[in-house]
Amino acid sequence: MIVIRLLLVALIIAVVALGLAWLFTGNRKYLGYIGRVLRFAVVVGFVTALLVVVERVVLR
């Protein structure tokens, strides 16, 4: 569980840093990076949730 929390903190830091970079520079490529990071996080989150469900079903 600690790994998931650390990854969540890293995700928040990355999104905030990219958001600040966009605010300071006005360059829209940073918004694209935020979208990619969030899509990646959603995919990893679904895969992790699926693995947890499968683990609980198999170990039952």
C-alpha atoms as a PDB file:
ATOM      1  CA  MET A   1       0.000   0.000   0.000  1.00  0.00           C
ATOM      2  CA  ILE A   2       2.870   2.378   0.698  1.00  0.00           C
ATOM      3  CA  VAL A   3       4.035   2.057  -2.905  1.00  0.00           C
ATOM      4  CA  ILE A   4       0.610   3.076  -4.194  1.00  0.00           C
ATOM      5  CA  ARG A   5       0.570   6.110  -1.906  1.00  0.00           C
ATOM      6  CA  LEU A   6       4.057   7.142  -3.008  1.00  0.00           C
ATOM      7  CA  LEU A   7       3.054   6.815  -6.660  1.00  0.00           C
ATOM      8  CA  LEU A   8      -0.039   8.914  -5.989  1.00  0.00           C
ATOM      9  CA  VAL A   9       2.098  11.636  -4.414  1.00  0.00           C
ATOM     10  CA  ALA A  10       4.483  11.497  -7.404  1.00  0.00           C
ATOM     11  CA  LEU A  11       1.492  11.812  -9.753  1.00  0.00           C
ATOM     12  CA  ILE A  12       0.183  14.857  -7.916  1.00  0.00           C
ATOM     13  CA  ILE A  13       3.624  16.482  -7.923  1.00  0.00           C
ATOM     14  CA  ALA A  14       4.029  15.841 -11.657  1.00  0.00           C
ATOM     15  CA  VAL A  15       0.610  17.282 -12.520  1.00  0.00           C
ATOM     16  CA  VAL A  16       1.164  20.349 -10.352  1.00  0.00           C
ATOM     17  CA  ALA A  17       4.641  20.927 -11.808  1.00  0.00           C
ATOM     18  CA  LEU A  18       3.343  20.623 -15.365  1.00  0.00           C
ATOM     19  CA  GLY A  19       0.433  22.911 -14.540  1.00  0.00           C
ATOM     20  CA  LEU A  20       2.789  25.519 -13.142  1.00  0.00           C
ATOM     21  CA  ALA A  21       5.054  25.186 -16.181  1.00  0.00           C
ATOM     22  CA  TRP A  22       2.043  25.850 -18.397  1.00  0.00           C
ATOM     23  CA  LEU A  23       0.968  28.847 -16.311  1.00  0.00           C
ATOM     24  CA  PHE A  24       4.415  30.430 -16.387  1.00  0.00           C
ATOM     25  CA  THR A  25       5.250  29.759 -20.043  1.00  0.00           C
ATOM     26  CA  GLY A  26       1.841  29.642 -21.703  1.00  0.00           C
ATOM     27  CA  ASN A  27       3.097  26.727 -23.804  1.00  0.00           C
ATOM     28  CA  ARG A  28       0.219  24.333 -24.512  1.00  0.00           C
ATOM     29  CA  LYS A  29       2.500  21.302 -24.834  1.00  0.00           C
ATOM     30  CA  TYR A  30       2.491  21.064 -21.043  1.00  0.00           C
ATOM     31  CA  LEU A  31      -1.276  20.542 -21.101  1.00  0.00           C
ATOM     32  CA  GLY A  32      -0.690  17.632 -23.474  1.00  0.00           C
ATOM     33  CA  TYR A  33       1.838  16.197 -21.055  1.00  0.00           C
ATOM     34  CA  ILE A  34      -0.687  16.484 -18.223  1.00  0.00           C
ATOM     35  CA  GLY A  35      -3.209  14.573 -20.324  1.00  0.00           C
ATOM     36  CA  ARG A  36      -0.697  11.824 -21.051  1.00  0.00           C
ATOM     37  CA  VAL A  37       0.306  11.537 -17.395  1.00  0.00           C
ATOM     38  CA  LEU A  38      -3.330  11.332 -16.286  1.00  0.00           C
ATOM     39  CA  ARG A  39      -4.221   8.750 -18.963  1.00  0.00           C
ATOM     40  CA  PHE A  40      -1.231   6.648 -17.916  1.00  0.00           C
ATOM     41  CA  ALA A  41      -2.269   6.940 -14.259  1.00  0.00           C
ATOM     42  CA  VAL A  42      -5.823   5.824 -15.060  1.00  0.00           C
ATOM     43  CA  VAL A  43      -4.585   2.806 -17.024  1.00  0.00           C
ATOM     44  CA  VAL A  44      -2.151   1.818 -14.270  1.00  0.00           C
ATOM     45  CA  GLY A  45      -4.898   2.303 -11.688  1.00  0.00           C
ATOM     46  CA  PHE A  46      -7.290   0.011 -13.568  1.00  0.00           C
ATOM     47  CA  VAL A  47      -4.618  -2.650 -14.014  1.00  0.00           C
ATOM     48  CA  THR A  48      -3.711  -2.459 -10.326  1.00  0.00           C
ATOM     49  CA  ALA A  49      -7.356  -2.700  -9.273  1.00  0.00           C
ATOM     50  CA  LEU A  50      -7.861  -5.657 -11.598  1.00  0.00           C
ATOM     51  CA  LEU A  51      -4.829  -7.430 -10.144  1.00  0.00           C
ATOM     52  CA  VAL A  52      -6.082  -6.838  -6.589  1.00  0.00           C
ATOM     53  CA  VAL A  53      -9.495  -8.277  -7.483  1.00  0.00           C
ATOM     54  CA  VAL A  54      -7.950 -11.296  -9.194  1.00  0.00           C
ATOM     55  CA  GLU A  55      -5.640 -11.855  -6.225  1.00  0.00           C
ATOM     56  CA  ARG A  56      -8.570 -11.801  -3.799  1.00  0.00           C
ATOM     57  CA  VAL A  57     -10.603 -14.194  -5.938  1.00  0.00           C
ATOM     58  CA  VAL A  58      -7.719 -16.642  -6.366  1.00  0.00           C
ATOM     59  CA  LEU A  59      -6.690 -16.597  -2.687  1.00  0.00           C
ATOM     60  CA  ARG A  60     -10.229 -17.103  -1.444  1.00  0.00           C
END
